[in-house]
Amino acid sequence: MSTVEAAPAALFGNAERIGFVGTGSMGRPMIAKLLEAGYLVNVYDIDPAAAKDVVEKGARWHDAPCDAARDCEIVITCLPMPRDVFDNMTGEQGAMAGMPPGGVWIDASTTDYHNTIEIARRAAAIGVYSLEAPVSNLSHMGVDFGNVSFFVGGPLEAYVRCEAALQAMGAVSFHVGNIGQGQSVKLLTNLLFYAAAVASGDALCRSVRDGVPAQQAWRKFVGSSANSVAVEQFVPFLLDGSYDRSCTLEITMKDMDLTVQLADELGVGLPIGRTIEERYSLAGRKFDRHDSHLSVVELAQAAYGAGLQVPGYRAPSKYGADPAHPPDQEFLTDPVGRIKPKREHMFPLEDVPLSDVQIRLLESLSVELTNLNRLILDEAFDLGRGMGLSDALIHDVITWSVGASAWSDSHAQQYGNRQPIAPPLTNVPHLIYPYTEELS
């Protein structure tokens, strides 16, 4: 992957004024954190109403990206799609038109790195440095309380200048190499999450089909080696029927399409990843792309004839069935050192006695989920190694990402000899079988 650096320019001192383009669900909390840290923040969004909250907190509204970027040492974009980033950075009204020489553009979107490289090339022509810094939540919508990691690609000197601002917005950041590698690292961490989301949805549907209440199956998986961020923090949105309102199906489809493209470029087989991409693509054809990303599990519910919603249950989050749920107030630190909200799940339905057959089913499904986490972790390492990243760095970014699982936490030491841990696949794991209409 090529490096695009800015033309030589005098470096600013401590950046105090930041331009921010994009005030969606990811951008608003980051802006609020910057304001709390004492930065002056100029904002622009295609939808002025989306910026109302941060403007009330002290951000300064501007009517065009170039105006929001005017005289700012740092300009941050956080937008949903690659075309949105390109349109808001380039052209007469684009942010680059207002940026001073020596400034730094940081893209916190998850986008196509080719898109980033082209914008960075244009930025370099006017003396502007470029960094990509896609965001990974360390817990569900951890961006709300600065519990995120940034995977940063671009010139090291620009990263050092912006590290304080990144730290103000999140918990940890990693400089992973050149432009392109930040986006690619984010894709491999998302691959782990999406695989776990699809597989856990299928495992729950199989459990419910065989008479196990969904909440009992979920608790079994959370308490086993099959646990992951997807299982622990996102499955509750399936159980309350909300499907998580924080992210759309369109975003997950975009991410998986980019992941497959990256695998093609690197010559990585990615059999499980390609199957996951097929599942999201199928969901995109069946449902509105603006539906929740977890609507992909509806494919399995239809195939198994199993509904996952638990009557009367509401996930303890404002992104679930109860938008009025108060913000997280209490937090826990796990053995790795990651912070997550302390949440109490109140299920109105009492547990039911399970038969020996049902108990064995849950044990078997836990093993299957654990194995899936093991296999997809191998594929993530294949992608990272294809980018030229060290195993140590790959492990770190996975550990501090939404793709972490009990398996990745406990078996990191096995990924030191650059050899695959799992044997080559001959069959796609049944939990992520590509066409759910054929599931029995």
Foldseek 3Di string as FASTA:
>chain_A
DDFFWADDDDADAAFQEEEEEDLPLLNVLLLLLSVVVRHAYEYEYPDVVSCVVSVVVPHHYDHFLCVSLAAGLEYEYEDQELVVQLVQQDDPRHNLVRHAANHEYEYQYQYQLVSVNVSSNVSRVRRYGYKYWHKFALAVSNQNVQAIETEIAHDPVNCVSCVVSNVSRHPYYDHFYHRPVRSLLQLLLVLLLLLLLLLVLLLLLVLVLVPFASVVLLVLLCPAQLFASNSPHQCVQQQAVLNFLRAFLLSVLNSLVSNVVLCVVLVAPCPQSVLSNLLSVVLVVVDPRRGHNSCSSVLSCVLSVGRNYQPPWWFQDCRHPNVPRDDADAWDADPVGRIDGDGDTDHPDDGDDDDPVSVVSSVVSSVLSSVSSLVSVLSSVVSCVSVVGALVVSLVSSNSGSSDGSNSVPCSVVPHPVDRPDPDDPDHRPSSRRRSNPPD
